[in-house]
PDB file of N, CA and C in Angstrom:
ATOM      1  N   UNK A   1     -29.383 -12.154 -15.783  1.00  0.00           N
ATOM      2  CA  UNK A   1     -28.799 -12.059 -14.285  1.00  0.00           C
ATOM      3  C   UNK A   1     -27.494 -11.185 -14.655  1.00  0.00           C
ATOM      4  N   UNK A   2     -27.295 -10.067 -13.814  1.00  0.00           N
ATOM      5  CA  UNK A   2     -25.672  -9.588 -14.192  1.00  0.00           C
ATOM      6  C   UNK A   2     -24.991 -10.100 -13.310  1.00  0.00           C
ATOM      7  N   UNK A   3     -23.672 -10.346 -13.903  1.00  0.00           N
ATOM      8  CA  UNK A   3     -22.570 -10.785 -12.928  1.00  0.00           C
ATOM      9  C   UNK A   3     -22.148  -9.675 -11.797  1.00  0.00           C
ATOM     10  N   UNK A   4     -21.987 -10.391 -10.388  1.00  0.00           N
ATOM     11  CA  UNK A   4     -21.763  -9.807  -9.396  1.00  0.00           C
ATOM     12  C   UNK A   4     -20.260  -9.242  -9.415  1.00  0.00           C
ATOM     13  N   UNK A   5     -19.835  -8.273  -8.678  1.00  0.00           N
ATOM     14  CA  UNK A   5     -18.502  -7.759  -8.511  1.00  0.00           C
ATOM     15  C   UNK A   5     -18.054  -8.681  -7.718  1.00  0.00           C
ATOM     16  N   UNK A   6     -16.489  -8.967  -7.961  1.00  0.00           N
ATOM     17  CA  UNK A   6     -15.796  -9.897  -7.027  1.00  0.00           C
ATOM     18  C   UNK A   6     -15.479  -9.127  -5.744  1.00  0.00           C
ATOM     19  N   UNK A   7     -15.660 -10.059  -4.531  1.00  0.00           N
ATOM     20  CA  UNK A   7     -15.128  -9.595  -3.086  1.00  0.00           C
ATOM     21  C   UNK A   7     -13.573  -9.322  -3.359  1.00  0.00           C
ATOM     22  N   UNK A   8     -13.303  -8.398  -2.297  1.00  0.00           N
ATOM     23  CA  UNK A   8     -12.030  -7.776  -1.959  1.00  0.00           C
ATOM     24  C   UNK A   8     -11.395  -8.693  -1.011  1.00  0.00           C
ATOM     25  N   UNK A   9     -10.429  -9.368  -1.036  1.00  0.00           N
ATOM     26  CA  UNK A   9      -9.692 -10.265  -0.009  1.00  0.00           C
ATOM     27  C   UNK A   9      -8.523  -9.473   0.490  1.00  0.00           C
ATOM     28  N   UNK A  10      -8.660  -9.179   1.807  1.00  0.00           N
ATOM     29  CA  UNK A  10      -7.744  -8.630   2.790  1.00  0.00           C
ATOM     30  C   UNK A  10      -6.774  -9.429   3.224  1.00  0.00           C
ATOM     31  N   UNK A  11      -5.396  -9.186   3.207  1.00  0.00           N
ATOM     32  CA  UNK A  11      -4.542 -10.155   3.810  1.00  0.00           C
ATOM     33  C   UNK A  11      -4.313  -9.835   5.054  1.00  0.00           C
ATOM     34  N   UNK A  12      -4.035 -10.858   6.212  1.00  0.00           N
ATOM     35  CA  UNK A  12      -3.833 -10.906   7.475  1.00  0.00           C
ATOM     36  C   UNK A  12      -2.503 -10.046   7.823  1.00  0.00           C
ATOM     37  N   UNK A  13      -1.719  -9.988   6.661  1.00  0.00           N
ATOM     38  CA  UNK A  13      -0.387  -8.890   7.060  1.00  0.00           C
ATOM     39  C   UNK A  13      -0.807  -7.690   6.898  1.00  0.00           C
ATOM     40  N   UNK A  14      -1.811  -7.175   6.512  1.00  0.00           N
ATOM     41  CA  UNK A  14      -2.266  -5.857   6.642  1.00  0.00           C
ATOM     42  C   UNK A  14      -2.429  -5.201   7.982  1.00  0.00           C
ATOM     43  N   UNK A  15      -2.133  -4.269   8.084  1.00  0.00           N
ATOM     44  CA  UNK A  15      -2.251  -3.303   9.362  1.00  0.00           C
ATOM     45  C   UNK A  15      -1.449  -1.949   9.560  1.00  0.00           C
ATOM     46  N   UNK A  16      -1.353  -1.528  10.748  1.00  0.00           N
ATOM     47  CA  UNK A  16      -0.530  -0.360  11.175  1.00  0.00           C
ATOM     48  C   UNK A  16       0.991  -0.765  11.464  1.00  0.00           C
ATOM     49  N   UNK A  17       1.497  -0.036  10.756  1.00  0.00           N
ATOM     50  CA  UNK A  17       2.968  -0.087  10.993  1.00  0.00           C
ATOM     51  C   UNK A  17       3.639   1.224  11.392  1.00  0.00           C
ATOM     52  N   UNK A  18       4.776   1.159  12.581  1.00  0.00           N
ATOM     53  CA  UNK A  18       5.129   2.437  13.174  1.00  0.00           C
ATOM     54  C   UNK A  18       6.748   2.161  13.458  1.00  0.00           C
ATOM     55  N   UNK A  19       7.522   3.210  12.865  1.00  0.00           N
ATOM     56  CA  UNK A  19       8.992   3.169  13.140  1.00  0.00           C
ATOM     57  C   UNK A  19       9.582   4.391  12.776  1.00  0.00           C
ATOM     58  N   UNK A  20      10.405   4.795  13.800  1.00  0.00           N
ATOM     59  CA  UNK A  20      11.051   6.103  13.744  1.00  0.00           C
ATOM     60  C   UNK A  20      10.153   7.256  13.647  1.00  0.00           C
ATOM     61  N   UNK A  21       8.966   7.112  14.750  1.00  0.00           N
ATOM     62  CA  UNK A  21       8.069   8.040  14.650  1.00  0.00           C
ATOM     63  C   UNK A  21       7.109   8.384  13.688  1.00  0.00           C
ATOM     64  N   UNK A  22       7.123   7.237  12.477  1.00  0.00           N
ATOM     65  CA  UNK A  22       6.122   7.519  11.356  1.00  0.00           C
ATOM     66  C   UNK A  22       5.395   6.166  11.500  1.00  0.00           C
ATOM     67  N   UNK A  23       3.878   6.634  11.339  1.00  0.00           N
ATOM     68  CA  UNK A  23       3.252   5.555  11.239  1.00  0.00           C
ATOM     69  C   UNK A  23       2.195   5.456  10.012  1.00  0.00           C
ATOM     70  N   UNK A  24       2.165   4.254   9.591  1.00  0.00           N
ATOM     71  CA  UNK A  24       1.470   4.196   8.066  1.00  0.00           C
ATOM     72  C   UNK A  24       0.454   2.847   8.294  1.00  0.00           C
ATOM     73  N   UNK A  25      -0.482   2.850   7.301  1.00  0.00           N
ATOM     74  CA  UNK A  25      -1.560   1.754   7.220  1.00  0.00           C
ATOM     75  C   UNK A  25      -0.938   0.835   6.027  1.00  0.00           C
ATOM     76  N   UNK A  26      -0.681  -0.310   6.232  1.00  0.00           N
ATOM     77  CA  UNK A  26      -0.089  -1.427   4.892  1.00  0.00           C
ATOM     78  C   UNK A  26      -1.396  -1.917   4.620  1.00  0.00           C
ATOM     79  N   UNK A  27      -1.964  -1.892   3.492  1.00  0.00           N
ATOM     80  CA  UNK A  27      -3.075  -2.725   2.829  1.00  0.00           C
ATOM     81  C   UNK A  27      -2.647  -3.483   1.831  1.00  0.00           C
ATOM     82  N   UNK A  28      -2.834  -4.768   2.027  1.00  0.00           N
ATOM     83  CA  UNK A  28      -2.402  -5.780   0.846  1.00  0.00           C
ATOM     84  C   UNK A  28      -3.562  -6.543   0.723  1.00  0.00           C
ATOM     85  N   UNK A  29      -4.030  -6.476  -0.531  1.00  0.00           N
ATOM     86  CA  UNK A  29      -5.422  -7.272  -0.933  1.00  0.00           C
ATOM     87  C   UNK A  29      -5.386  -7.483  -2.362  1.00  0.00           C
ATOM     88  N   UNK A  30      -6.366  -8.371  -2.886  1.00  0.00           N
ATOM     89  CA  UNK A  30      -6.463  -9.102  -4.123  1.00  0.00           C
ATOM     90  C   UNK A  30      -7.942  -9.092  -4.210  1.00  0.00           C
ATOM     91  N   UNK A  31      -8.581  -9.026  -5.705  1.00  0.00           N
ATOM     92  CA  UNK A  31      -9.867  -9.581  -5.906  1.00  0.00           C
ATOM     93  C   UNK A  31     -10.076 -11.102  -5.645  1.00  0.00           C
ATOM     94  N   UNK A  32     -11.161 -11.596  -5.284  1.00  0.00           N
ATOM     95  CA  UNK A  32     -11.360 -13.029  -4.853  1.00  0.00           C
ATOM     96  C   UNK A  32     -11.007 -13.815  -6.096  1.00  0.00           C
ATOM     97  N   UNK A  33     -11.215 -13.385  -7.479  1.00  0.00           N
ATOM     98  CA  UNK A  33     -11.210 -14.114  -8.512  1.00  0.00           C
ATOM     99  C   UNK A  33      -9.708 -13.710  -9.189  1.00  0.00           C
ATOM    100  N   UNK A  34      -8.778 -13.395  -8.701  1.00  0.00           N
ATOM    101  CA  UNK A  34      -7.392 -13.044  -9.085  1.00  0.00           C
ATOM    102  C   UNK A  34      -6.261 -13.694  -8.063  1.00  0.00           C
ATOM    103  N   UNK A  35      -5.259 -13.904  -8.517  1.00  0.00           N
ATOM    104  CA  UNK A  35      -4.303 -14.477  -7.775  1.00  0.00           C
ATOM    105  C   UNK A  35      -3.266 -13.390  -7.410  1.00  0.00           C
ATOM    106  N   UNK A  36      -3.195 -12.277  -8.081  1.00  0.00           N
ATOM    107  CA  UNK A  36      -1.946 -11.115  -7.819  1.00  0.00           C
ATOM    108  C   UNK A  36      -2.590 -10.288  -6.704  1.00  0.00           C
ATOM    109  N   UNK A  37      -1.587 -10.087  -5.640  1.00  0.00           N
ATOM    110  CA  UNK A  37      -1.821  -9.057  -4.835  1.00  0.00           C
ATOM    111  C   UNK A  37      -1.414  -7.833  -4.923  1.00  0.00           C
ATOM    112  N   UNK A  38      -2.061  -6.965  -4.254  1.00  0.00           N
ATOM    113  CA  UNK A  38      -1.700  -5.211  -4.418  1.00  0.00           C
ATOM    114  C   UNK A  38      -1.093  -4.762  -3.124  1.00  0.00           C
ATOM    115  N   UNK A  39      -0.152  -3.723  -3.089  1.00  0.00           N
ATOM    116  CA  UNK A  39       0.233  -3.224  -1.650  1.00  0.00           C
ATOM    117  C   UNK A  39      -0.268  -1.992  -1.929  1.00  0.00           C
ATOM    118  N   UNK A  40      -0.549  -1.361  -0.882  1.00  0.00           N
ATOM    119  CA  UNK A  40      -0.735  -0.112  -0.907  1.00  0.00           C
ATOM    120  C   UNK A  40      -0.494   0.452   0.554  1.00  0.00           C
ATOM    121  N   UNK A  41       0.037   1.580   0.723  1.00  0.00           N
ATOM    122  CA  UNK A  41       0.574   2.279   1.927  1.00  0.00           C
ATOM    123  C   UNK A  41       0.068   3.521   1.995  1.00  0.00           C
ATOM    124  N   UNK A  42      -0.605   4.036   3.149  1.00  0.00           N
ATOM    125  CA  UNK A  42      -1.376   5.076   3.379  1.00  0.00           C
ATOM    126  C   UNK A  42      -0.688   5.668   4.819  1.00  0.00           C
ATOM    127  N   UNK A  43      -0.189   7.116   4.372  1.00  0.00           N
ATOM    128  CA  UNK A  43       0.338   7.774   5.332  1.00  0.00           C
ATOM    129  C   UNK A  43      -0.482   8.582   6.377  1.00  0.00           C
ATOM    130  N   UNK A  44      -0.313   9.120   7.476  1.00  0.00           N
ATOM    131  CA  UNK A  44      -1.081   9.707   8.509  1.00  0.00           C
ATOM    132  C   UNK A  44      -1.887  10.877   7.848  1.00  0.00           C
ATOM    133  N   UNK A  45      -1.229  11.555   6.958  1.00  0.00           N
ATOM    134  CA  UNK A  45      -2.394  12.392   6.174  1.00  0.00           C
ATOM    135  C   UNK A  45      -3.354  11.973   5.263  1.00  0.00           C
ATOM    136  N   UNK A  46      -3.260  10.606   4.843  1.00  0.00           N
ATOM    137  CA  UNK A  46      -4.276   9.891   3.944  1.00  0.00           C
ATOM    138  C   UNK A  46      -3.653   9.939   2.446  1.00  0.00           C
ATOM    139  N   UNK A  47      -2.434  10.142   2.356  1.00  0.00           N
ATOM    140  CA  UNK A  47      -1.854   9.957   1.045  1.00  0.00           C
ATOM    141  C   UNK A  47      -1.713   8.532   1.004  1.00  0.00           C
ATOM    142  N   UNK A  48      -2.186   7.977  -0.506  1.00  0.00           N
ATOM    143  CA  UNK A  48      -2.335   6.603  -0.529  1.00  0.00           C
ATOM    144  C   UNK A  48      -0.863   6.356  -1.722  1.00  0.00           C
ATOM    145  N   UNK A  49       0.062   5.406  -1.468  1.00  0.00           N
ATOM    146  CA  UNK A  49       0.874   5.036  -2.098  1.00  0.00           C
ATOM    147  C   UNK A  49       0.857   3.529  -2.588  1.00  0.00           C
ATOM    148  N   UNK A  50       0.572   3.270  -4.251  1.00  0.00           N
ATOM    149  CA  UNK A  50       0.264   1.950  -4.433  1.00  0.00           C
ATOM    150  C   UNK A  50       1.390   1.664  -5.532  1.00  0.00           C
ATOM    151  N   UNK A  51       1.815   0.332  -5.128  1.00  0.00           N
ATOM    152  CA  UNK A  51       2.814  -0.050  -5.999  1.00  0.00           C
ATOM    153  C   UNK A  51       2.327  -0.299  -7.242  1.00  0.00           C
ATOM    154  N   UNK A  52       3.196  -0.298  -8.427  1.00  0.00           N
ATOM    155  CA  UNK A  52       2.592  -0.557  -9.611  1.00  0.00           C
ATOM    156  C   UNK A  52       2.730  -2.130 -10.074  1.00  0.00           C
ATOM    157  N   UNK A  53       3.655  -2.692  -9.422  1.00  0.00           N
ATOM    158  CA  UNK A  53       3.893  -4.083  -9.468  1.00  0.00           C
ATOM    159  C   UNK A  53       2.692  -4.710  -8.803  1.00  0.00           C
ATOM    160  N   UNK A  54       2.357  -5.971  -9.148  1.00  0.00           N
ATOM    161  CA  UNK A  54       1.585  -6.919  -8.282  1.00  0.00           C
ATOM    162  C   UNK A  54       2.580  -8.033  -7.761  1.00  0.00           C
ATOM    163  N   UNK A  55       1.991  -8.662  -6.807  1.00  0.00           N
ATOM    164  CA  UNK A  55       2.664  -9.909  -6.037  1.00  0.00           C
ATOM    165  C   UNK A  55       2.011 -11.220  -6.058  1.00  0.00           C
ATOM    166  N   UNK A  56       2.916 -12.281  -6.261  1.00  0.00           N
ATOM    167  CA  UNK A  56       2.340 -13.611  -6.386  1.00  0.00           C
ATOM    168  C   UNK A  56       1.653 -13.977  -4.921  1.00  0.00           C
ATOM    169  N   UNK A  57       2.167 -13.455  -3.821  1.00  0.00           N
ATOM    170  CA  UNK A  57       1.580 -13.761  -2.806  1.00  0.00           C
ATOM    171  C   UNK A  57       1.632 -12.774  -1.736  1.00  0.00           C
ATOM    172  N   UNK A  58       0.813 -12.575  -0.499  1.00  0.00           N
ATOM    173  CA  UNK A  58       0.690 -11.487   0.439  1.00  0.00           C
ATOM    174  C   UNK A  58       2.032 -11.397   1.243  1.00  0.00           C
ATOM    175  N   UNK A  59       2.803 -12.559   1.142  1.00  0.00           N
ATOM    176  CA  UNK A  59       4.251 -12.399   1.642  1.00  0.00           C
ATOM    177  C   UNK A  59       4.961 -11.489   1.024  1.00  0.00           C
ATOM    178  N   UNK A  60       5.030 -11.876  -0.278  1.00  0.00           N
ATOM    179  CA  UNK A  60       6.000 -10.977  -1.298  1.00  0.00           C
ATOM    180  C   UNK A  60       5.742  -9.561  -1.118  1.00  0.00           C
ATOM    181  N   UNK A  61       4.246  -9.251  -1.007  1.00  0.00           N
ATOM    182  CA  UNK A  61       3.869  -7.798  -1.109  1.00  0.00           C
ATOM    183  C   UNK A  61       4.273  -7.152   0.041  1.00  0.00           C
ATOM    184  N   UNK A  62       4.220  -7.952   1.469  1.00  0.00           N
ATOM    185  CA  UNK A  62       4.813  -7.281   2.865  1.00  0.00           C
ATOM    186  C   UNK A  62       6.432  -7.278   2.685  1.00  0.00           C
ATOM    187  N   UNK A  63       6.928  -8.204   2.206  1.00  0.00           N
ATOM    188  CA  UNK A  63       8.259  -7.993   2.186  1.00  0.00           C
ATOM    189  C   UNK A  63       8.959  -6.843   1.172  1.00  0.00           C
ATOM    190  N   UNK A  64       8.122  -6.551   0.040  1.00  0.00           N
ATOM    191  CA  UNK A  64       8.478  -5.235  -0.622  1.00  0.00           C
ATOM    192  C   UNK A  64       8.351  -4.154   0.398  1.00  0.00           C
ATOM    193  N   UNK A  65       7.337  -4.115   0.896  1.00  0.00           N
ATOM    194  CA  UNK A  65       7.236  -2.833   2.013  1.00  0.00           C
ATOM    195  C   UNK A  65       8.307  -2.753   2.982  1.00  0.00           C
ATOM    196  N   UNK A  66       8.711  -4.073   3.573  1.00  0.00           N
ATOM    197  CA  UNK A  66       9.825  -4.158   4.273  1.00  0.00           C
ATOM    198  C   UNK A  66      10.934  -3.807   3.694  1.00  0.00           C
ATOM    199  N   UNK A  67      11.296  -4.057   2.351  1.00  0.00           N
ATOM    200  CA  UNK A  67      12.508  -3.876   1.739  1.00  0.00           C
ATOM    201  C   UNK A  67      12.543  -2.260   1.699  1.00  0.00           C
ATOM    202  N   UNK A  68      11.578  -1.487   1.201  1.00  0.00           N
ATOM    203  CA  UNK A  68      11.693  -0.404   1.157  1.00  0.00           C
ATOM    204  C   UNK A  68      11.959   0.558   2.422  1.00  0.00           C
ATOM    205  N   UNK A  69      11.430   0.173   3.476  1.00  0.00           N
ATOM    206  CA  UNK A  69      11.613   0.871   4.859  1.00  0.00           C
ATOM    207  C   UNK A  69      13.200   0.583   5.161  1.00  0.00           C
ATOM    208  N   UNK A  70      13.657  -0.605   5.030  1.00  0.00           N
ATOM    209  CA  UNK A  70      15.121  -1.003   5.200  1.00  0.00           C
ATOM    210  C   UNK A  70      15.921  -0.211   4.138  1.00  0.00           C
ATOM    211  N   UNK A  71      15.542   0.074   3.055  1.00  0.00           N
ATOM    212  CA  UNK A  71      16.507   0.881   2.266  1.00  0.00           C
ATOM    213  C   UNK A  71      16.310   2.294   2.311  1.00  0.00           C
ATOM    214  N   UNK A  72      15.162   2.807   2.536  1.00  0.00           N
ATOM    215  CA  UNK A  72      14.810   4.315   2.421  1.00  0.00           C
ATOM    216  C   UNK A  72      14.234   4.995   3.912  1.00  0.00           C
ATOM    217  N   UNK A  73      13.714   3.990   4.834  1.00  0.00           N
ATOM    218  CA  UNK A  73      13.316   4.476   5.917  1.00  0.00           C
ATOM    219  C   UNK A  73      11.718   4.862   5.841  1.00  0.00           C
ATOM    220  N   UNK A  74      11.122   4.780   7.064  1.00  0.00           N
ATOM    221  CA  UNK A  74       9.752   5.127   6.981  1.00  0.00           C
ATOM    222  C   UNK A  74       9.306   6.660   6.460  1.00  0.00           C
ATOM    223  N   UNK A  75      10.284   7.557   6.630  1.00  0.00           N
ATOM    224  CA  UNK A  75      10.143   8.879   6.387  1.00  0.00           C
ATOM    225  C   UNK A  75      10.040   9.048   4.576  1.00  0.00           C
ATOM    226  N   UNK A  76      10.230   7.784   4.011  1.00  0.00           N
ATOM    227  CA  UNK A  76       9.791   8.092   2.436  1.00  0.00           C
ATOM    228  C   UNK A  76       8.583   7.880   2.292  1.00  0.00           C
ATOM    229  N   UNK A  77       7.506   7.737   3.108  1.00  0.00           N
ATOM    230  CA  UNK A  77       6.077   7.499   3.046  1.00  0.00           C
ATOM    231  C   UNK A  77       5.481   8.930   3.560  1.00  0.00           C
ATOM    232  N   UNK A  78       5.975   9.943   4.075  1.00  0.00           N
ATOM    233  CA  UNK A  78       5.677  11.229   4.572  1.00  0.00           C
ATOM    234  C   UNK A  78       5.577  12.100   3.222  1.00  0.00           C
ATOM    235  N   UNK A  79       4.297  13.223   3.326  1.00  0.00           N
ATOM    236  CA  UNK A  79       4.053  13.777   2.363  1.00  0.00           C
ATOM    237  C   UNK A  79       5.440  14.849   2.286  1.00  0.00           C
ATOM    238  N   UNK A  80       5.825  15.361   1.204  1.00  0.00           N
ATOM    239  CA  UNK A  80       7.028  16.139   0.974  1.00  0.00           C
ATOM    240  C   UNK A  80       6.604  17.606   0.417  1.00  0.00           C
ATOM    241  N   UNK A  81       7.524  18.604   0.597  1.00  0.00           N
ATOM    242  CA  UNK A  81       7.075  19.772  -0.319  1.00  0.00           C
ATOM    243  C   UNK A  81       7.536  19.625  -1.720  1.00  0.00           C
ATOM    244  N   UNK A  82       7.812  18.818  -2.238  1.00  0.00           N
ATOM    245  CA  UNK A  82       8.153  18.877  -3.610  1.00  0.00           C
ATOM    246  C   UNK A  82       6.879  18.227  -4.264  1.00  0.00           C
ATOM    247  N   UNK A  83       5.768  17.988  -3.738  1.00  0.00           N
ATOM    248  CA  UNK A  83       4.634  17.528  -4.242  1.00  0.00           C
ATOM    249  C   UNK A  83       4.177  18.789  -5.309  1.00  0.00           C
ATOM    250  N   UNK A  84       3.875  18.443  -6.463  1.00  0.00           N
ATOM    251  CA  UNK A  84       3.365  19.502  -7.432  1.00  0.00           C
ATOM    252  C   UNK A  84       1.995  19.364  -7.656  1.00  0.00           C
ATOM    253  N   UNK A  85       1.248  20.379  -7.140  1.00  0.00           N
ATOM    254  CA  UNK A  85      -0.281  20.231  -7.415  1.00  0.00           C
ATOM    255  C   UNK A  85      -0.730  20.531  -8.664  1.00  0.00           C
ATOM    256  N   UNK A  86      -1.991  19.838  -8.976  1.00  0.00           N
ATOM    257  CA  UNK A  86      -2.490  20.039 -10.269  1.00  0.00           C
ATOM    258  C   UNK A  86      -2.839  21.379 -10.645  1.00  0.00           C
ATOM    259  N   UNK A  87      -2.870  21.771 -12.029  1.00  0.00           N
ATOM    260  CA  UNK A  87      -3.019  23.308 -12.164  1.00  0.00           C
ATOM    261  C   UNK A  87      -4.636  23.586 -11.738  1.00  0.00           C
ATOM    262  N   UNK A  88      -4.541  24.729 -11.273  1.00  0.00           N
ATOM    263  CA  UNK A  88      -6.108  25.282 -11.016  1.00  0.00           C
ATOM    264  C   UNK A  88      -6.491  25.081  -9.379  1.00  0.00           C
ATOM    265  N   UNK A  89      -5.308  24.407  -8.490  1.00  0.00           N
ATOM    266  CA  UNK A  89      -5.473  24.060  -7.153  1.00  0.00           C
ATOM    267  C   UNK A  89      -4.836  25.182  -6.338  1.00  0.00           C
TER     268      UNK A  89
END
């Protein structure tokens, strides 16, 4: 019998966040058999920003999101003109 894939656990802190006219979707999740949480922010155009570091708990992940907003503002999650496309696109 093959081993099943672990379920994805989504934090109750996940959800829509809006400030300064910018809305994003904050996703905080982990695999059911792992203790570390992942933080992802998806902007209005569907661009996903995922933190390289994982977090000990979902509160720490949400605080990291809040810290970025406090330091850089919500506009940091917007697509910018300095995105370099892959060759051939």
